[in-house]
Amino acid sequence: MLEVSEFVKRRDNERKNNMGHVVVPLMGRFKNETGERNLVLGLANETNSGLKVRKWIDRFTALLKLEDQGSSTGPAICDEAGMVLE
């Protein structure tokens, strides 16, 4: 699950530090472990095939802030009721 508050916080930190990559935090259970934990994925700003990852992540972050979701907790990608989309 992409958790919204951690996602927006990390995006804001990346803009301040001008990193050469995009950090995407995930939260959940991994490899049948008990309890939830955070996993941080580092992604290239742009892929070899030309996909502009940073551009689309920045646009998604701006949309979350526009909808005033940047400070709330829960899934970043969800339905109208706030449930994780599967």
N, C-alpha and C. Protein backbone atom coordinates (compact mmCIF):
# COMPACT_ATOMS: atom_id res chain seq x y z
N MET A 1 0.84 -1.17 0.00
CA MET A 1 0.00 0.00 0.00
C MET A 1 0.89 1.24 0.00
N LEU A 2 0.53 2.19 -0.78
CA LEU A 2 1.19 3.48 -0.81
C LEU A 2 0.48 4.37 0.21
N GLU A 3 1.14 4.66 1.34
CA GLU A 3 0.53 5.44 2.41
C GLU A 3 0.69 6.92 2.11
N VAL A 4 -0.40 7.67 2.14
CA VAL A 4 -0.45 9.03 1.60
C VAL A 4 0.43 10.03 2.36
N SER A 5 0.38 10.06 3.68
CA SER A 5 1.13 11.09 4.41
C SER A 5 2.64 10.88 4.28
N GLU A 6 3.09 9.64 4.36
CA GLU A 6 4.52 9.35 4.21
C GLU A 6 4.98 9.63 2.78
N PHE A 7 4.13 9.32 1.82
CA PHE A 7 4.44 9.57 0.41
C PHE A 7 4.65 11.07 0.16
N VAL A 8 3.72 11.90 0.61
CA VAL A 8 3.81 13.34 0.40
C VAL A 8 5.00 13.92 1.16
N LYS A 9 5.23 13.46 2.39
CA LYS A 9 6.36 13.96 3.18
C LYS A 9 7.68 13.66 2.49
N ARG A 10 7.85 12.46 1.99
CA ARG A 10 9.10 12.10 1.31
C ARG A 10 9.26 12.88 0.00
N ARG A 11 8.17 13.12 -0.70
CA ARG A 11 8.25 13.90 -1.94
C ARG A 11 8.71 15.32 -1.64
N ASP A 12 8.19 15.92 -0.58
CA ASP A 12 8.59 17.28 -0.20
C ASP A 12 10.08 17.31 0.18
N ASN A 13 10.55 16.29 0.91
CA ASN A 13 11.97 16.22 1.28
C ASN A 13 12.85 16.08 0.05
N GLU A 14 12.41 15.30 -0.94
CA GLU A 14 13.20 15.11 -2.16
C GLU A 14 13.35 16.42 -2.92
N ARG A 15 12.30 17.21 -2.96
CA ARG A 15 12.38 18.49 -3.67
C ARG A 15 13.40 19.42 -3.00
N LYS A 16 13.45 19.40 -1.67
CA LYS A 16 14.40 20.24 -0.95
C LYS A 16 15.83 19.79 -1.19
N ASN A 17 16.06 18.47 -1.25
CA ASN A 17 17.40 17.92 -1.38
C ASN A 17 17.84 17.69 -2.82
N ASN A 18 16.93 17.88 -3.78
CA ASN A 18 17.23 17.71 -5.20
C ASN A 18 17.90 16.37 -5.51
N MET A 19 17.26 15.30 -5.10
CA MET A 19 17.80 13.96 -5.30
C MET A 19 17.74 13.55 -6.77
N GLY A 20 18.62 12.65 -7.16
CA GLY A 20 18.66 12.17 -8.53
C GLY A 20 17.77 10.97 -8.77
N HIS A 21 16.89 10.68 -7.82
CA HIS A 21 15.98 9.56 -7.95
C HIS A 21 14.68 9.88 -7.23
N VAL A 22 13.68 9.03 -7.40
CA VAL A 22 12.38 9.19 -6.77
C VAL A 22 12.24 8.11 -5.71
N VAL A 23 11.82 8.49 -4.50
CA VAL A 23 11.62 7.54 -3.42
C VAL A 23 10.12 7.33 -3.22
N VAL A 24 9.71 6.06 -3.23
CA VAL A 24 8.30 5.72 -3.04
C VAL A 24 8.20 4.79 -1.83
N PRO A 25 7.56 5.24 -0.74
CA PRO A 25 7.43 4.39 0.44
C PRO A 25 6.18 3.50 0.35
N LEU A 26 6.36 2.24 0.65
CA LEU A 26 5.25 1.28 0.69
C LEU A 26 5.10 0.76 2.11
N MET A 27 3.88 0.41 2.49
CA MET A 27 3.64 -0.14 3.82
C MET A 27 2.79 -1.39 3.67
N GLY A 28 3.16 -2.41 4.41
CA GLY A 28 2.36 -3.63 4.37
C GLY A 28 3.13 -4.82 4.90
N ARG A 29 2.60 -5.99 4.62
CA ARG A 29 3.25 -7.23 5.03
C ARG A 29 4.03 -7.77 3.84
N PHE A 30 5.26 -8.14 4.12
CA PHE A 30 6.14 -8.61 3.06
C PHE A 30 6.65 -10.01 3.40
N LYS A 31 6.58 -10.89 2.43
CA LYS A 31 7.13 -12.25 2.53
C LYS A 31 6.62 -12.98 3.78
N ASN A 32 5.33 -12.96 3.99
CA ASN A 32 4.67 -13.68 5.08
C ASN A 32 5.18 -13.29 6.46
N GLU A 33 5.67 -12.08 6.64
CA GLU A 33 6.10 -11.61 7.95
C GLU A 33 4.87 -11.24 8.77
N THR A 34 5.01 -11.24 10.08
CA THR A 34 3.92 -10.81 10.93
C THR A 34 4.05 -9.32 11.16
N GLY A 35 2.94 -8.62 11.16
CA GLY A 35 2.94 -7.18 11.34
C GLY A 35 3.28 -6.45 10.05
N GLU A 36 3.01 -5.17 10.06
CA GLU A 36 3.28 -4.35 8.89
C GLU A 36 4.59 -3.61 9.07
N ARG A 37 5.24 -3.32 7.97
CA ARG A 37 6.48 -2.54 8.01
C ARG A 37 6.58 -1.69 6.76
N ASN A 38 7.52 -0.79 6.78
CA ASN A 38 7.72 0.10 5.63
C ASN A 38 8.83 -0.41 4.74
N LEU A 39 8.67 -0.23 3.48
CA LEU A 39 9.67 -0.56 2.48
C LEU A 39 9.79 0.66 1.58
N VAL A 40 11.03 1.07 1.30
CA VAL A 40 11.25 2.25 0.47
C VAL A 40 11.84 1.81 -0.86
N LEU A 41 11.18 2.20 -1.94
CA LEU A 41 11.66 1.90 -3.29
C LEU A 41 12.32 3.13 -3.88
N GLY A 42 13.50 2.94 -4.42
CA GLY A 42 14.16 4.02 -5.15
C GLY A 42 13.96 3.79 -6.64
N LEU A 43 13.41 4.76 -7.33
CA LEU A 43 13.13 4.65 -8.76
C LEU A 43 13.90 5.72 -9.53
N ALA A 44 14.29 5.40 -10.74
CA ALA A 44 14.98 6.37 -11.58
C ALA A 44 14.04 7.52 -11.94
N ASN A 45 14.61 8.71 -12.10
CA ASN A 45 13.80 9.86 -12.53
C ASN A 45 13.14 9.61 -13.87
N GLU A 46 13.88 8.96 -14.76
CA GLU A 46 13.37 8.63 -16.09
C GLU A 46 13.93 7.26 -16.48
N THR A 47 13.08 6.41 -17.04
CA THR A 47 13.52 5.07 -17.43
C THR A 47 14.24 5.12 -18.78
N ASN A 48 14.92 4.03 -19.10
CA ASN A 48 15.60 3.94 -20.40
C ASN A 48 14.62 4.04 -21.56
N SER A 49 13.38 3.62 -21.34
CA SER A 49 12.38 3.69 -22.39
C SER A 49 11.71 5.07 -22.49
N GLY A 50 12.10 6.00 -21.60
CA GLY A 50 11.58 7.36 -21.70
C GLY A 50 10.43 7.69 -20.77
N LEU A 51 10.01 6.76 -19.91
CA LEU A 51 8.94 7.04 -18.96
C LEU A 51 9.46 8.01 -17.91
N LYS A 52 8.81 9.14 -17.76
CA LYS A 52 9.23 10.17 -16.83
C LYS A 52 8.56 9.94 -15.47
N VAL A 53 9.20 9.09 -14.67
CA VAL A 53 8.65 8.67 -13.38
C VAL A 53 8.49 9.87 -12.45
N ARG A 54 9.50 10.70 -12.32
CA ARG A 54 9.43 11.85 -11.41
C ARG A 54 8.28 12.79 -11.80
N LYS A 55 8.10 13.03 -13.08
CA LYS A 55 7.04 13.92 -13.55
C LYS A 55 5.68 13.43 -13.09
N TRP A 56 5.40 12.14 -13.25
CA TRP A 56 4.09 11.61 -12.91
C TRP A 56 3.90 11.47 -11.40
N ILE A 57 4.97 11.17 -10.68
CA ILE A 57 4.89 11.12 -9.22
C ILE A 57 4.63 12.53 -8.68
N ASP A 58 5.30 13.53 -9.24
CA ASP A 58 5.07 14.92 -8.82
C ASP A 58 3.64 15.36 -9.10
N ARG A 59 3.11 14.98 -10.24
CA ARG A 59 1.72 15.34 -10.57
C ARG A 59 0.74 14.65 -9.62
N PHE A 60 1.01 13.39 -9.27
CA PHE A 60 0.15 12.67 -8.34
C PHE A 60 0.21 13.33 -6.96
N THR A 61 1.40 13.73 -6.53
CA THR A 61 1.56 14.42 -5.24
C THR A 61 0.78 15.73 -5.24
N ALA A 62 0.86 16.49 -6.33
CA ALA A 62 0.14 17.75 -6.43
C ALA A 62 -1.38 17.53 -6.35
N LEU A 63 -1.85 16.46 -6.97
CA LEU A 63 -3.28 16.13 -6.91
C LEU A 63 -3.71 15.80 -5.48
N LEU A 64 -2.89 15.02 -4.77
CA LEU A 64 -3.21 14.69 -3.38
C LEU A 64 -3.28 15.95 -2.52
N LYS A 65 -2.34 16.87 -2.74
CA LYS A 65 -2.35 18.12 -1.98
C LYS A 65 -3.54 18.99 -2.36
N LEU A 66 -3.89 19.02 -3.64
CA LEU A 66 -5.04 19.79 -4.10
C LEU A 66 -6.32 19.29 -3.45
N GLU A 67 -6.42 17.99 -3.28
CA GLU A 67 -7.60 17.39 -2.64
C GLU A 67 -7.47 17.40 -1.12
N ASP A 68 -6.43 18.06 -0.59
CA ASP A 68 -6.17 18.16 0.84
C ASP A 68 -6.01 16.79 1.49
N GLN A 69 -5.36 15.88 0.78
CA GLN A 69 -5.13 14.54 1.30
C GLN A 69 -3.70 14.35 1.81
N GLY A 70 -2.84 15.34 1.63
CA GLY A 70 -1.42 15.21 1.95
C GLY A 70 -1.11 14.99 3.41
N SER A 71 -1.98 15.41 4.31
CA SER A 71 -1.70 15.25 5.74
C SER A 71 -2.51 14.13 6.37
N SER A 72 -3.41 13.52 5.62
CA SER A 72 -4.22 12.43 6.17
C SER A 72 -3.43 11.13 6.12
N THR A 73 -3.90 10.14 6.86
CA THR A 73 -3.28 8.82 6.82
C THR A 73 -4.18 7.87 6.07
N GLY A 74 -3.60 6.84 5.52
CA GLY A 74 -4.36 5.86 4.77
C GLY A 74 -3.78 5.66 3.39
N PRO A 75 -4.48 4.92 2.56
CA PRO A 75 -3.95 4.62 1.23
C PRO A 75 -4.01 5.83 0.31
N ALA A 76 -2.96 6.00 -0.50
CA ALA A 76 -2.92 7.11 -1.46
C ALA A 76 -3.78 6.80 -2.67
N ILE A 77 -3.90 5.53 -3.01
CA ILE A 77 -4.71 5.11 -4.16
C ILE A 77 -5.88 4.32 -3.61
N CYS A 78 -7.06 4.96 -3.60
CA CYS A 78 -8.23 4.34 -2.97
C CYS A 78 -9.51 4.74 -3.69
N ASP A 79 -10.59 4.10 -3.30
CA ASP A 79 -11.89 4.47 -3.85
C ASP A 79 -12.46 5.64 -3.05
N GLU A 80 -13.69 6.05 -3.37
CA GLU A 80 -14.31 7.20 -2.72
C GLU A 80 -14.52 6.99 -1.22
N ALA A 81 -14.66 5.73 -0.80
CA ALA A 81 -14.86 5.42 0.62
C ALA A 81 -13.54 5.33 1.39
N GLY A 82 -12.41 5.47 0.70
CA GLY A 82 -11.11 5.40 1.35
C GLY A 82 -10.53 4.00 1.46
N MET A 83 -11.13 3.04 0.73
CA MET A 83 -10.64 1.67 0.76
C MET A 83 -9.62 1.47 -0.36
N VAL A 84 -8.59 0.67 -0.08
CA VAL A 84 -7.52 0.41 -1.05
C VAL A 84 -8.11 -0.21 -2.31
N LEU A 85 -7.71 0.33 -3.47
CA LEU A 85 -8.13 -0.27 -4.73
C LEU A 85 -7.32 -1.52 -4.99
N GLU A 86 -7.98 -2.57 -5.39
CA GLU A 86 -7.28 -3.83 -5.68
C GLU A 86 -7.38 -4.16 -7.14
